[in-house]
Amino acid sequence: MQTLIVHPDSKNKLTAVKAVLKALNVPFEEDKSSYTSEFEAKIKEGEEDIKAGRTVKITLDEIWK
């Protein structure tokens, strides 16, 4: 079994791809995430840093220097 990742650039193309897969009885999954896996990994790493206390507190005065 192989996995294909398809990137249709319009809603019409997405609908057509789904119709073809359904007509051929090819099972498929939809990933509703609009983020890349690399970005999601960075977010998860940041959340883990926060839980572990690896943060820096910055005041408003420090931001606008």
Protein backbone atom coordinates (compact mmCIF):
# COMPACT_ATOMS: atom_id res chain seq x y z
CA MET A 1 0.00 0.00 0.00
CA GLN A 2 1.22 3.51 -0.81
CA THR A 3 0.23 6.90 0.48
CA LEU A 4 -0.38 9.82 -1.84
CA ILE A 5 -0.52 13.41 -0.70
CA VAL A 6 -2.53 15.58 -3.07
CA HIS A 7 -2.53 19.39 -3.02
CA PRO A 8 -5.45 20.60 -5.13
CA ASP A 9 -5.33 24.35 -5.63
CA SER A 10 -9.07 24.88 -5.80
CA LYS A 11 -12.24 23.57 -4.23
CA ASN A 12 -13.42 22.26 -7.62
CA LYS A 13 -10.27 20.17 -8.05
CA LEU A 14 -10.64 18.80 -4.52
CA THR A 15 -14.22 17.80 -5.24
CA ALA A 16 -13.15 16.10 -8.49
CA VAL A 17 -10.35 14.15 -6.77
CA LYS A 18 -12.75 12.96 -4.07
CA ALA A 19 -15.28 11.90 -6.71
CA VAL A 20 -12.68 9.86 -8.60
CA LEU A 21 -11.48 8.14 -5.43
CA LYS A 22 -15.04 7.31 -4.40
CA ALA A 23 -15.85 6.00 -7.90
CA LEU A 24 -12.81 3.70 -7.75
CA ASN A 25 -13.64 2.62 -4.18
CA VAL A 26 -10.29 3.92 -2.97
CA PRO A 27 -10.39 4.72 0.75
CA PHE A 28 -9.03 8.14 1.69
CA GLU A 29 -8.65 10.35 4.73
CA GLU A 30 -8.94 14.10 5.01
CA ASP A 31 -6.60 16.11 7.19
CA LYS A 32 -8.33 19.33 8.13
CA SER A 33 -5.17 20.93 9.52
CA SER A 34 -4.01 23.99 7.65
CA TYR A 35 -0.58 23.90 9.28
CA THR A 36 2.53 22.03 8.20
CA SER A 37 3.82 19.23 10.39
CA GLU A 38 7.02 21.24 11.04
CA PHE A 39 4.97 24.18 12.34
CA GLU A 40 2.83 21.92 14.52
CA ALA A 41 6.01 20.37 15.98
CA LYS A 42 7.35 23.83 16.89
CA ILE A 43 4.08 24.75 18.58
CA LYS A 44 4.09 21.50 20.57
CA GLU A 45 7.71 22.10 21.59
CA GLY A 46 6.79 25.60 22.75
CA GLU A 47 3.89 24.29 24.82
CA GLU A 48 6.21 21.74 26.45
CA ASP A 49 8.72 24.53 27.22
CA ILE A 50 5.96 26.51 28.93
CA LYS A 51 4.91 23.50 31.03
CA ALA A 52 8.56 22.93 32.02
CA GLY A 53 8.96 26.56 33.06
CA ARG A 54 11.42 27.46 30.29
CA THR A 55 10.00 30.92 29.68
CA VAL A 56 11.12 34.54 29.82
CA LYS A 57 8.87 37.28 31.15
CA ILE A 58 9.05 40.58 29.27
CA THR A 59 7.33 43.76 30.43
CA LEU A 60 5.61 46.17 28.05
CA ASP A 61 8.37 48.71 28.66
CA GLU A 62 10.97 46.18 27.52
CA ILE A 63 9.01 45.40 24.36
CA TRP A 64 8.79 49.03 23.24
CA LYS A 65 12.44 50.02 23.81
